[in-house]
Amino acid sequence: MKQILALFMLIVIAPALLAQNRSNEPIPAMPKLLSQREQADFREQWLRKRLGSLLLPMMKRHGIEMWIVVNEEFNNDPVTPHITPMVPIVGRRDLFIFIDQGQRIERVAVVRYAEERLKGHYRMLLPARDKFGEEVRKLVDARNPKSIALNIGGGRGQQSGLSHDSYKFLAEALGPENEKKFVSAANLLTEFFDTRLPEELEHYRAAVLATDVITRRAFSNEVITPGKTTAGDVRWWMLQQLNDIGVDTWFQPDIRIQRQAAATGTTGQFLSTASESDVIQRGDLIHVDFGLNYMGLSTDWQKHAYVLKAGETDAPAGLKTALKNTNRLQDIIFNVARAGMTGTAVYEASMAECKKQSINCMIYSHPLGTHGHGLGPSIDFRGLVGGGGNKILPGSYISIELNTSTEVPEWNNQKVTIMAEDDAYMTDNGYEWFRPRQTELYLIR
C-alpha cells in the first residue's frame, strides 16, 4: 500500500507541485531582491553620478542655465524621485535648483526640513515660511541665468509636473523679469529619463526576471484551474505576489482571452481585456500584460498561454505558427534598430520589411526604464505623436511591444492576434533582450 501511495505521489502529485508551463522546463526561481536600505544605498550611488557628471552636459546641450523642480506635498512632481534620495519628501513646497556654473553644476535644495541623506547631494537652504519666496528670489537674482527651465510644456506627464499654483508662486516670487526667462524643460527631461547608467543594468535584469517568474506562475496550473479560475483571480493573484515581494506596479495586469468561434472585442485598435468574471476554459488562448517597479525602474511584459483541451498534449499547430510570426516581427526590428536612429526611421524600415514578408502586424514599442511608458524614441505606428522623432541612445531600454494576426486552420481560419512585449537594451550591435523572449506558448493542463 505504501509503495502504491509513493508511486501516486510521484506520478500525479509531484508534477502539479513543480510549477511548469512548457514541456520539461521548470519556472525559474524568483531572484533575491535587495532590502529597502540596500536599494537606497545603490540608488544614491546612481544619483550621485547622474547629478554629478551627467546633468551638466545635458543642460548645456539644451541651452539651460538654471532648472527648477518644484515638489508639493501630496502632489509630487514625477521628476522628484529621480533627483532625490529614496526617502519621502513631505515639505509643503520644496524646490530643487540646478545652476550651470561653467565647469560644475550647483545644486541647491530650498526645503522646510533638513533631511540627512538629502544633504549629501544638495546645499541646503531652510528659509522661514514667510521668507521662502524672498530667499529663492535672492538666489536666482545672484546667479542671473539667461534661462530658467521648468517642468512645463511637454506632451507627457513626466514633463509637465509643475502645478498651476506652483507656477504662480514662482512667477510672483521671482518677479516679471525672471518670469520672461521661463522655458520648458521637456527636451532636457527626455534625455535625462532616457539615459541609463551601466550600473543599473543587472538590477533591472533582476526586475525583468521577477516579472517573468510571476507571469509564468500565473499562467500555470499553480494558479489556473480550467473551468473554474477567472481572469480576475489571475489578476489579483499577480498583484498579491508584488505585495509579497515588496515591490509595486504602475498599471493593472491586463488579461485577454481569445477563444475558438468567439469574437474578442476591441478597445480602440487593440483587443479588449477580459472581464474579471470571465472563466478561463479549455481551448482558450490567454494573454497577460504586466509590469512592476523596482529600484526606481519599471518593467513591461506580455505573454501567451494555451489551455489544453482534454486529450491534447500541445497547442494547435496554427497557434504555434502565429507565435512564430510574432517572433519574425521581433527579429525584423532587431535587425534594423541601431543607436542614433530615430524611432520613426526604425518603424518605417521595419514595416517595409514586414510588407515584403507578408506579415500582418502592428508595432507600438516604447521607451522604458524610469517609467513604464518612458520618454525617448518610440517605434510606433503613431509616429511623432509617440516620440518617434527622438533618437535611440546607447544603453537605453525599450519595450519591444507589437502584434501579428494570423489565420489559424484549426480554428476554421479564425484570425488570432499574438501580442508580445519583451524588454531590451541598446548595445553597439543593436538591441539585446534582458530575458529570453517567448518562443513557445505556455501550456496549462
Protein backbone atom coordinates (compact mmCIF):
# COMPACT_ATOMS: atom_id res chain seq x y z
CA MET A 1 0.00 0.00 0.00
CA LYS A 2 2.83 2.40 0.90
CA GLN A 3 4.51 1.64 -2.41
CA ILE A 4 1.31 2.40 -4.32
CA LEU A 5 0.89 5.70 -2.42
CA ALA A 6 4.50 6.65 -3.12
CA LEU A 7 4.01 5.89 -6.81
CA PHE A 8 0.83 8.01 -6.84
CA MET A 9 2.72 10.93 -5.28
CA LEU A 10 5.48 10.60 -7.85
CA ILE A 11 3.25 10.32 -10.90
CA VAL A 12 0.28 12.54 -10.02
CA ILE A 13 1.07 14.97 -7.24
CA ALA A 14 4.71 15.87 -7.87
CA PRO A 15 4.23 17.29 -11.38
CA ALA A 16 1.46 19.54 -10.10
CA LEU A 17 3.66 20.83 -7.32
CA LEU A 18 6.54 21.56 -9.69
CA ALA A 19 5.30 24.66 -11.50
CA GLN A 20 5.86 24.33 -15.22
CA ASN A 21 4.24 25.91 -18.23
CA ARG A 22 6.37 24.48 -21.02
CA SER A 23 7.35 20.90 -21.56
CA ASN A 24 10.12 19.85 -19.19
CA GLU A 25 11.04 23.44 -18.35
CA PRO A 26 10.69 24.44 -14.69
CA ILE A 27 9.83 28.06 -13.98
CA PRO A 28 12.94 29.99 -12.86
CA ALA A 29 13.40 30.84 -9.20
CA MET A 30 12.48 34.30 -8.00
CA PRO A 31 15.63 36.47 -7.81
CA LYS A 32 16.73 37.73 -4.40
CA LEU A 33 15.71 41.37 -4.34
CA LEU A 34 17.53 43.96 -2.27
CA SER A 35 16.24 45.27 1.04
CA GLN A 36 14.91 48.82 1.22
CA ARG A 37 18.16 50.03 2.79
CA GLU A 38 20.30 48.28 0.18
CA GLN A 39 18.17 49.75 -2.58
CA ALA A 40 18.56 53.23 -1.11
CA ASP A 41 22.35 52.89 -0.95
CA PHE A 42 22.65 51.75 -4.57
CA ARG A 43 20.25 54.39 -5.84
CA GLU A 44 22.20 57.12 -4.08
CA GLN A 45 25.33 55.99 -5.88
CA TRP A 46 23.44 56.28 -9.16
CA LEU A 47 22.02 59.66 -8.14
CA ARG A 48 25.49 60.98 -7.30
CA LYS A 49 26.72 60.05 -10.77
CA ARG A 50 23.63 61.29 -12.57
CA LEU A 51 23.60 64.69 -10.86
CA GLY A 52 27.37 64.99 -10.55
CA SER A 53 28.58 64.29 -14.08
CA LEU A 54 25.65 63.67 -16.46
CA LEU A 55 23.22 66.51 -15.79
CA LEU A 56 25.50 69.47 -16.56
CA PRO A 57 26.35 68.38 -20.15
CA MET A 58 22.64 67.75 -20.72
CA MET A 59 21.73 71.25 -19.55
CA LYS A 60 24.39 72.74 -21.83
CA ARG A 61 23.13 70.73 -24.83
CA HIS A 62 19.62 72.09 -24.25
CA GLY A 63 20.69 75.67 -23.58
CA ILE A 64 19.50 75.69 -19.97
CA GLU A 65 21.41 77.70 -17.35
CA MET A 66 19.03 77.04 -14.44
CA TRP A 67 16.49 74.27 -13.85
CA ILE A 68 13.96 74.49 -11.03
CA VAL A 69 11.90 71.48 -9.92
CA VAL A 70 9.07 72.23 -7.52
CA ASN A 71 7.64 69.46 -5.38
CA GLU A 72 4.38 69.79 -3.47
CA GLU A 73 3.26 67.66 -0.56
CA PHE A 74 0.71 65.07 -1.83
CA ASN A 75 1.37 66.25 -5.40
CA ASN A 76 4.86 65.03 -6.19
CA ASP A 77 6.49 66.03 -9.45
CA PRO A 78 7.28 62.81 -11.39
CA VAL A 79 10.89 64.01 -11.55
CA THR A 80 11.37 64.26 -7.78
CA PRO A 81 12.00 60.54 -7.02
CA HIS A 82 14.79 60.60 -9.61
CA ILE A 83 16.66 63.68 -8.35
CA THR A 84 16.47 62.92 -4.62
CA PRO A 85 17.48 60.02 -2.37
CA MET A 86 14.99 57.20 -1.81
CA VAL A 87 13.24 58.91 1.12
CA PRO A 88 9.78 60.52 1.27
CA ILE A 89 9.67 64.26 0.51
CA VAL A 90 6.97 65.81 2.69
CA GLY A 91 7.51 69.58 2.77
CA ARG A 92 4.60 71.82 1.86
CA ARG A 93 6.56 73.08 -1.16
CA ASP A 94 10.22 72.15 -1.81
CA LEU A 95 12.44 73.45 -4.60
CA PHE A 96 15.42 71.71 -6.18
CA ILE A 97 17.54 74.13 -8.18
CA PHE A 98 20.31 73.25 -10.63
CA ILE A 99 22.63 76.01 -11.87
CA ASP A 100 25.21 75.83 -14.65
CA GLN A 101 28.37 77.32 -13.12
CA GLY A 102 30.56 76.72 -16.15
CA GLN A 103 32.66 73.70 -15.19
CA ARG A 104 30.38 72.45 -12.45
CA ILE A 105 26.74 72.29 -11.52
CA GLU A 106 25.50 73.96 -8.38
CA ARG A 107 22.69 72.08 -6.64
CA VAL A 108 20.51 73.81 -4.05
CA ALA A 109 17.54 72.36 -2.14
CA VAL A 110 15.21 75.01 -0.74
CA VAL A 111 13.25 73.00 1.81
CA ARG A 112 11.45 73.27 5.12
CA TYR A 113 13.14 70.27 6.75
CA ALA A 114 16.79 69.22 6.68
CA GLU A 115 16.89 65.56 5.66
CA GLU A 116 20.18 63.81 6.31
CA ARG A 117 20.51 61.92 3.04
CA LEU A 118 19.43 64.95 1.02
CA LYS A 119 22.41 66.90 2.43
CA GLY A 120 24.75 64.54 0.62
CA HIS A 121 23.53 65.82 -2.75
CA TYR A 122 22.45 69.43 -2.27
CA ARG A 123 23.42 72.61 -0.48
CA MET A 124 20.51 73.21 1.85
CA LEU A 125 18.54 76.43 2.26
CA LEU A 126 15.95 76.36 5.04
CA PRO A 127 14.15 79.72 4.99
CA ALA A 128 11.34 80.60 7.36
CA ARG A 129 7.87 80.06 5.95
CA ASP A 130 7.27 83.79 5.40
CA LYS A 131 10.73 84.25 3.79
CA PHE A 132 10.58 81.31 1.39
CA GLY A 133 9.89 83.24 -1.82
CA GLU A 134 12.28 86.03 -0.82
CA GLU A 135 15.19 83.61 -0.36
CA VAL A 136 14.53 81.93 -3.70
CA ARG A 137 14.48 85.35 -5.40
CA LYS A 138 17.84 86.26 -3.85
CA LEU A 139 19.37 83.02 -5.10
CA VAL A 140 18.06 83.42 -8.65
CA ASP A 141 18.99 87.11 -8.89
CA ALA A 142 22.51 86.42 -7.64
CA ARG A 143 23.07 83.81 -10.39
CA ASN A 144 21.21 85.84 -13.05
CA PRO A 145 20.64 82.96 -15.50
CA LYS A 146 19.64 83.63 -19.11
CA SER A 147 17.09 80.81 -18.98
CA ILE A 148 15.13 79.13 -16.20
CA ALA A 149 13.74 75.74 -17.18
CA LEU A 150 10.54 74.50 -15.55
CA ASN A 151 8.69 71.21 -15.89
CA ILE A 152 6.03 72.59 -18.21
CA GLY A 153 5.17 72.47 -21.89
CA GLY A 154 5.77 68.80 -22.56
CA GLY A 155 3.37 66.37 -24.13
CA ARG A 156 3.83 63.75 -21.39
CA GLY A 157 3.14 63.71 -17.66
CA GLN A 158 6.82 63.31 -16.76
CA GLN A 159 7.47 66.64 -18.49
CA SER A 160 4.56 68.58 -17.01
CA GLY A 161 4.83 68.14 -13.25
CA LEU A 162 4.68 71.82 -12.28
CA SER A 163 1.25 72.69 -10.92
CA HIS A 164 -0.60 75.90 -11.74
CA ASP A 165 -0.26 77.13 -8.16
CA SER A 166 3.47 76.43 -8.03
CA TYR A 167 3.93 78.28 -11.31
CA LYS A 168 2.11 81.27 -9.80
CA PHE A 169 4.34 81.03 -6.73
CA LEU A 170 7.50 81.14 -8.84
CA ALA A 171 6.23 83.95 -11.07
CA GLU A 172 5.27 86.10 -8.07
CA ALA A 173 8.36 85.27 -6.02
CA LEU A 174 10.88 85.80 -8.84
CA GLY A 175 9.21 88.79 -10.47
CA PRO A 176 8.26 89.62 -14.08
CA GLU A 177 11.84 89.93 -15.40
CA ASN A 178 12.72 86.43 -14.28
CA GLU A 179 9.37 85.10 -15.48
CA LYS A 180 10.36 86.15 -19.01
CA LYS A 181 13.23 83.67 -18.74
CA PHE A 182 10.97 80.66 -18.06
CA VAL A 183 11.35 77.92 -20.66
CA SER A 184 10.20 74.32 -20.95
CA ALA A 185 12.45 71.58 -19.57
CA ALA A 186 10.67 68.98 -21.75
CA ASN A 187 13.60 68.15 -24.04
CA LEU A 188 16.05 68.06 -21.13
CA LEU A 189 13.74 65.62 -19.34
CA THR A 190 13.55 63.35 -22.37
CA GLU A 191 17.33 62.93 -22.37
CA PHE A 192 17.52 62.78 -18.57
CA PHE A 193 14.98 59.97 -18.27
CA ASP A 194 16.14 58.04 -21.34
CA THR A 195 19.79 57.93 -20.22
CA ARG A 196 20.62 54.72 -18.40
CA LEU A 197 23.66 54.03 -16.24
CA PRO A 198 25.67 50.84 -16.83
CA GLU A 199 25.36 50.12 -13.09
CA GLU A 200 21.58 49.87 -13.40
CA LEU A 201 21.57 47.04 -15.93
CA GLU A 202 21.93 43.97 -13.73
CA HIS A 203 19.44 45.30 -11.18
CA TYR A 204 16.98 45.90 -14.00
CA ARG A 205 17.64 42.38 -15.25
CA ALA A 206 16.57 41.12 -11.81
CA ALA A 207 13.37 43.18 -12.10
CA VAL A 208 12.63 41.64 -15.51
CA LEU A 209 13.30 38.15 -14.12
CA ALA A 210 10.88 38.80 -11.25
CA THR A 211 8.28 39.92 -13.81
CA ASP A 212 8.90 36.76 -15.82
CA VAL A 213 8.64 34.43 -12.81
CA ILE A 214 5.34 35.89 -11.60
CA THR A 215 3.93 35.78 -15.14
CA ARG A 216 4.89 32.15 -15.67
CA ARG A 217 3.49 31.10 -12.31
CA ALA A 218 0.27 32.96 -13.05
CA PHE A 219 -0.01 31.14 -16.38
CA SER A 220 0.39 27.67 -14.90
CA ASN A 221 -1.75 25.17 -13.01
CA GLU A 222 -0.46 26.66 -9.77
CA VAL A 223 -2.98 29.47 -10.35
CA ILE A 224 -5.31 28.35 -13.15
CA THR A 225 -7.80 25.52 -12.97
CA PRO A 226 -9.64 25.41 -16.31
CA GLY A 227 -13.38 25.89 -15.96
CA LYS A 228 -13.00 27.46 -12.52
CA THR A 229 -10.41 30.24 -12.42
CA THR A 230 -11.48 33.69 -13.59
CA ALA A 231 -9.47 36.44 -15.23
CA GLY A 232 -9.94 38.42 -12.02
CA ASP A 233 -8.49 35.57 -9.96
CA VAL A 234 -5.31 35.66 -12.05
CA ARG A 235 -5.03 39.44 -11.89
CA TRP A 236 -5.41 39.63 -8.12
CA TRP A 237 -3.02 36.74 -7.60
CA MET A 238 -0.36 38.65 -9.54
CA LEU A 239 -0.96 41.85 -7.58
CA GLN A 240 -0.64 39.92 -4.33
CA GLN A 241 2.70 38.49 -5.45
CA LEU A 242 4.02 42.03 -5.95
CA ASN A 243 2.93 42.93 -2.45
CA ASP A 244 4.56 39.80 -1.04
CA ILE A 245 8.00 40.53 -2.54
CA GLY A 246 7.95 44.22 -1.59
CA VAL A 247 7.51 45.87 -4.99
CA ASP A 248 4.58 47.54 -6.73
CA THR A 249 3.30 48.16 -10.23
CA TRP A 250 2.50 51.11 -12.45
CA PHE A 251 -0.61 49.61 -14.10
CA GLN A 252 -3.11 46.85 -13.52
CA PRO A 253 -2.34 43.43 -15.05
CA ASP A 254 -4.50 43.05 -18.17
CA ILE A 255 -5.82 39.59 -19.02
CA ARG A 256 -7.16 38.85 -22.52
CA ILE A 257 -8.90 35.71 -23.79
CA GLN A 258 -9.17 34.52 -27.40
CA ARG A 259 -11.45 31.56 -27.96
CA GLN A 260 -12.38 29.48 -30.99
CA ALA A 261 -15.65 30.55 -32.66
CA ALA A 262 -15.93 33.54 -30.30
CA ALA A 263 -15.13 37.13 -31.19
CA THR A 264 -12.88 39.07 -28.83
CA GLY A 265 -13.97 42.68 -28.53
CA THR A 266 -11.73 45.62 -29.31
CA THR A 267 -10.93 48.83 -27.49
CA GLY A 268 -9.54 51.32 -29.95
CA GLN A 269 -7.20 49.32 -32.17
CA PHE A 270 -6.39 46.66 -29.58
CA LEU A 271 -8.11 43.54 -28.25
CA SER A 272 -10.22 44.29 -25.19
CA THR A 273 -9.32 42.92 -21.79
CA ALA A 274 -11.43 40.17 -20.27
CA SER A 275 -13.98 40.92 -17.56
CA GLU A 276 -12.91 39.88 -14.08
CA SER A 277 -15.75 37.34 -14.00
CA ASP A 278 -14.74 35.64 -17.27
CA VAL A 279 -13.89 31.99 -16.58
CA ILE A 280 -10.82 30.55 -18.31
CA GLN A 281 -11.84 27.46 -20.29
CA ARG A 282 -10.02 24.62 -22.01
CA GLY A 283 -9.02 25.60 -25.54
CA ASP A 284 -8.56 29.27 -24.61
CA LEU A 285 -5.57 31.31 -25.71
CA ILE A 286 -4.90 33.70 -22.83
CA HIS A 287 -2.67 36.77 -22.70
CA VAL A 288 -1.30 38.98 -19.95
CA ASP A 289 0.18 42.48 -19.94
CA PHE A 290 2.10 43.01 -16.69
CA GLY A 291 4.92 45.06 -15.18
CA LEU A 292 6.46 46.06 -11.86
CA ASN A 293 8.52 48.82 -10.24
CA TYR A 294 11.84 48.07 -8.53
CA MET A 295 14.87 50.26 -7.76
CA GLY A 296 13.19 53.25 -9.41
CA LEU A 297 12.82 51.29 -12.67
CA SER A 298 9.75 49.82 -14.38
CA THR A 299 9.24 46.69 -16.48
CA ASP A 300 6.62 45.82 -19.11
CA TRP A 301 5.85 42.25 -20.23
CA GLN A 302 3.29 40.41 -22.37
CA LYS A 303 2.98 36.64 -22.73
CA HIS A 304 0.55 33.98 -24.01
CA ALA A 305 -0.59 30.60 -22.71
CA TYR A 306 -2.77 27.93 -24.24
CA VAL A 307 -5.16 25.91 -22.09
CA LEU A 308 -5.02 22.32 -23.30
CA LYS A 309 -8.23 20.56 -24.22
CA ALA A 310 -8.88 17.07 -22.92
CA GLY A 311 -6.55 14.68 -24.74
CA GLU A 312 -4.24 17.41 -26.07
CA THR A 313 -0.54 17.44 -25.24
CA ASP A 314 0.37 20.59 -27.18
CA ALA A 315 -1.17 23.70 -28.67
CA PRO A 316 -2.62 23.53 -32.20
CA ALA A 317 -0.01 24.00 -34.93
CA GLY A 318 -1.77 27.12 -36.20
CA LEU A 319 -1.37 28.88 -32.85
CA LYS A 320 2.30 27.92 -32.76
CA THR A 321 2.73 29.37 -36.26
CA ALA A 322 1.04 32.57 -35.10
CA LEU A 323 3.62 32.95 -32.33
CA LYS A 324 6.43 32.32 -34.82
CA ASN A 325 5.10 35.18 -36.95
CA THR A 326 5.38 37.49 -33.97
CA ASN A 327 8.93 36.25 -33.38
CA ARG A 328 9.71 37.08 -37.03
CA LEU A 329 8.46 40.63 -36.44
CA GLN A 330 10.71 40.96 -33.39
CA ASP A 331 13.66 39.75 -35.48
CA ILE A 332 12.97 42.39 -38.10
CA ILE A 333 13.13 45.21 -35.55
CA PHE A 334 16.32 43.80 -34.04
CA ASN A 335 17.91 43.64 -37.50
CA VAL A 336 17.01 47.26 -38.23
CA ALA A 337 17.39 49.24 -34.99
CA ARG A 338 20.73 50.83 -34.07
CA ALA A 339 21.78 53.64 -31.75
CA GLY A 340 21.42 57.07 -33.35
CA MET A 341 18.40 56.14 -35.46
CA THR A 342 15.07 57.81 -34.78
CA GLY A 343 12.19 55.64 -33.68
CA THR A 344 10.29 56.63 -36.83
CA ALA A 345 13.16 55.52 -39.08
CA VAL A 346 13.21 52.12 -37.37
CA TYR A 347 9.43 51.84 -37.68
CA GLU A 348 9.33 52.68 -41.38
CA ALA A 349 12.17 50.29 -42.27
CA SER A 350 10.62 47.50 -40.19
CA MET A 351 7.18 47.92 -41.74
CA ALA A 352 8.68 47.89 -45.24
CA GLU A 353 10.30 44.54 -44.47
CA CYS A 354 7.03 43.23 -42.98
CA LYS A 355 5.30 44.10 -46.23
CA LYS A 356 7.90 42.10 -48.16
CA GLN A 357 7.36 39.12 -45.87
CA SER A 358 3.54 39.49 -45.88
CA ILE A 359 3.36 39.84 -42.09
CA ASN A 360 0.08 41.35 -40.88
CA CYS A 361 1.28 43.37 -37.89
CA MET A 362 1.22 46.41 -35.65
CA ILE A 363 4.26 47.93 -33.92
CA TYR A 364 3.93 50.17 -30.85
CA SER A 365 7.22 49.77 -28.99
CA HIS A 366 8.13 52.39 -26.40
CA PRO A 367 10.99 53.51 -24.15
CA LEU A 368 11.04 52.35 -20.56
CA GLY A 369 13.30 52.36 -17.53
CA THR A 370 12.45 55.09 -15.06
CA HIS A 371 8.84 54.87 -16.22
CA GLY A 372 6.96 52.02 -17.87
CA HIS A 373 5.89 54.33 -20.69
CA GLY A 374 9.10 56.32 -20.76
CA LEU A 375 10.40 59.35 -22.59
CA GLY A 376 12.57 58.80 -25.64
CA PRO A 377 12.19 57.20 -29.08
CA SER A 378 9.05 55.19 -29.74
CA ILE A 379 8.97 52.71 -32.61
CA ASP A 380 5.30 53.23 -33.13
CA PHE A 381 2.58 53.48 -35.76
CA ARG A 382 1.56 56.80 -34.16
CA GLY A 383 4.82 58.36 -35.36
CA LEU A 384 5.96 61.69 -33.94
CA VAL A 385 3.00 61.79 -31.56
CA GLY A 386 4.52 58.83 -29.73
CA GLY A 387 8.04 60.28 -29.65
CA GLY A 388 9.20 58.73 -32.91
CA GLY A 389 11.39 61.74 -33.73
CA ASN A 390 13.71 61.08 -30.80
CA LYS A 391 16.97 59.22 -31.41
CA ILE A 392 17.88 55.90 -29.78
CA LEU A 393 20.53 56.46 -27.11
CA PRO A 394 23.28 53.89 -26.47
CA GLY A 395 22.40 51.79 -23.43
CA SER A 396 18.77 52.91 -23.40
CA TYR A 397 15.96 50.49 -22.56
CA ILE A 398 12.92 49.75 -24.68
CA SER A 399 9.82 47.63 -24.50
CA ILE A 400 9.54 45.80 -27.83
CA GLU A 401 5.74 45.80 -27.99
CA LEU A 402 3.90 44.62 -31.08
CA ASN A 403 1.49 42.06 -32.52
CA THR A 404 0.74 39.95 -35.57
CA SER A 405 -2.54 38.49 -36.78
CA THR A 406 -2.63 35.03 -38.30
CA GLU A 407 -5.39 32.78 -39.61
CA VAL A 408 -5.45 29.53 -37.64
CA PRO A 409 -6.63 26.48 -39.64
CA GLU A 410 -7.64 24.53 -36.52
CA TRP A 411 -9.96 27.41 -35.62
CA ASN A 412 -11.63 27.46 -39.08
CA ASN A 413 -9.18 30.15 -40.24
CA GLN A 414 -10.23 32.48 -37.44
CA LYS A 415 -7.72 35.31 -37.04
CA VAL A 416 -5.69 35.16 -33.85
CA THR A 417 -3.61 38.06 -32.57
CA ILE A 418 -0.34 37.28 -30.81
CA MET A 419 0.72 40.29 -28.73
CA ALA A 420 4.28 40.25 -27.43
CA GLU A 421 6.19 42.60 -25.18
CA ASP A 422 9.77 41.99 -24.09
CA ASP A 423 12.27 44.37 -22.53
CA ALA A 424 15.56 45.06 -24.33
CA TYR A 425 18.54 47.43 -24.22
CA MET A 426 20.63 49.05 -26.95
CA THR A 427 24.20 47.80 -27.41
CA ASP A 428 26.84 48.59 -30.03
CA ASN A 429 25.41 45.73 -32.11
CA GLY A 430 21.73 46.57 -31.70
CA TYR A 431 19.12 45.53 -29.17
CA GLU A 432 19.57 42.60 -26.78
CA TRP A 433 16.89 41.00 -24.60
CA PHE A 434 17.09 41.16 -20.83
CA ARG A 435 15.43 37.74 -20.71
CA PRO A 436 14.85 35.19 -23.46
CA ARG A 437 11.71 36.07 -25.38
CA GLN A 438 8.75 33.72 -25.59
CA THR A 439 9.15 31.29 -28.50
CA GLU A 440 6.72 28.61 -27.26
CA LEU A 441 3.23 29.03 -25.84
CA TYR A 442 2.98 28.30 -22.14
CA LEU A 443 0.78 25.25 -21.63
CA ILE A 444 -1.86 24.95 -18.95
CA ARG A 445 -3.04 21.43 -18.33
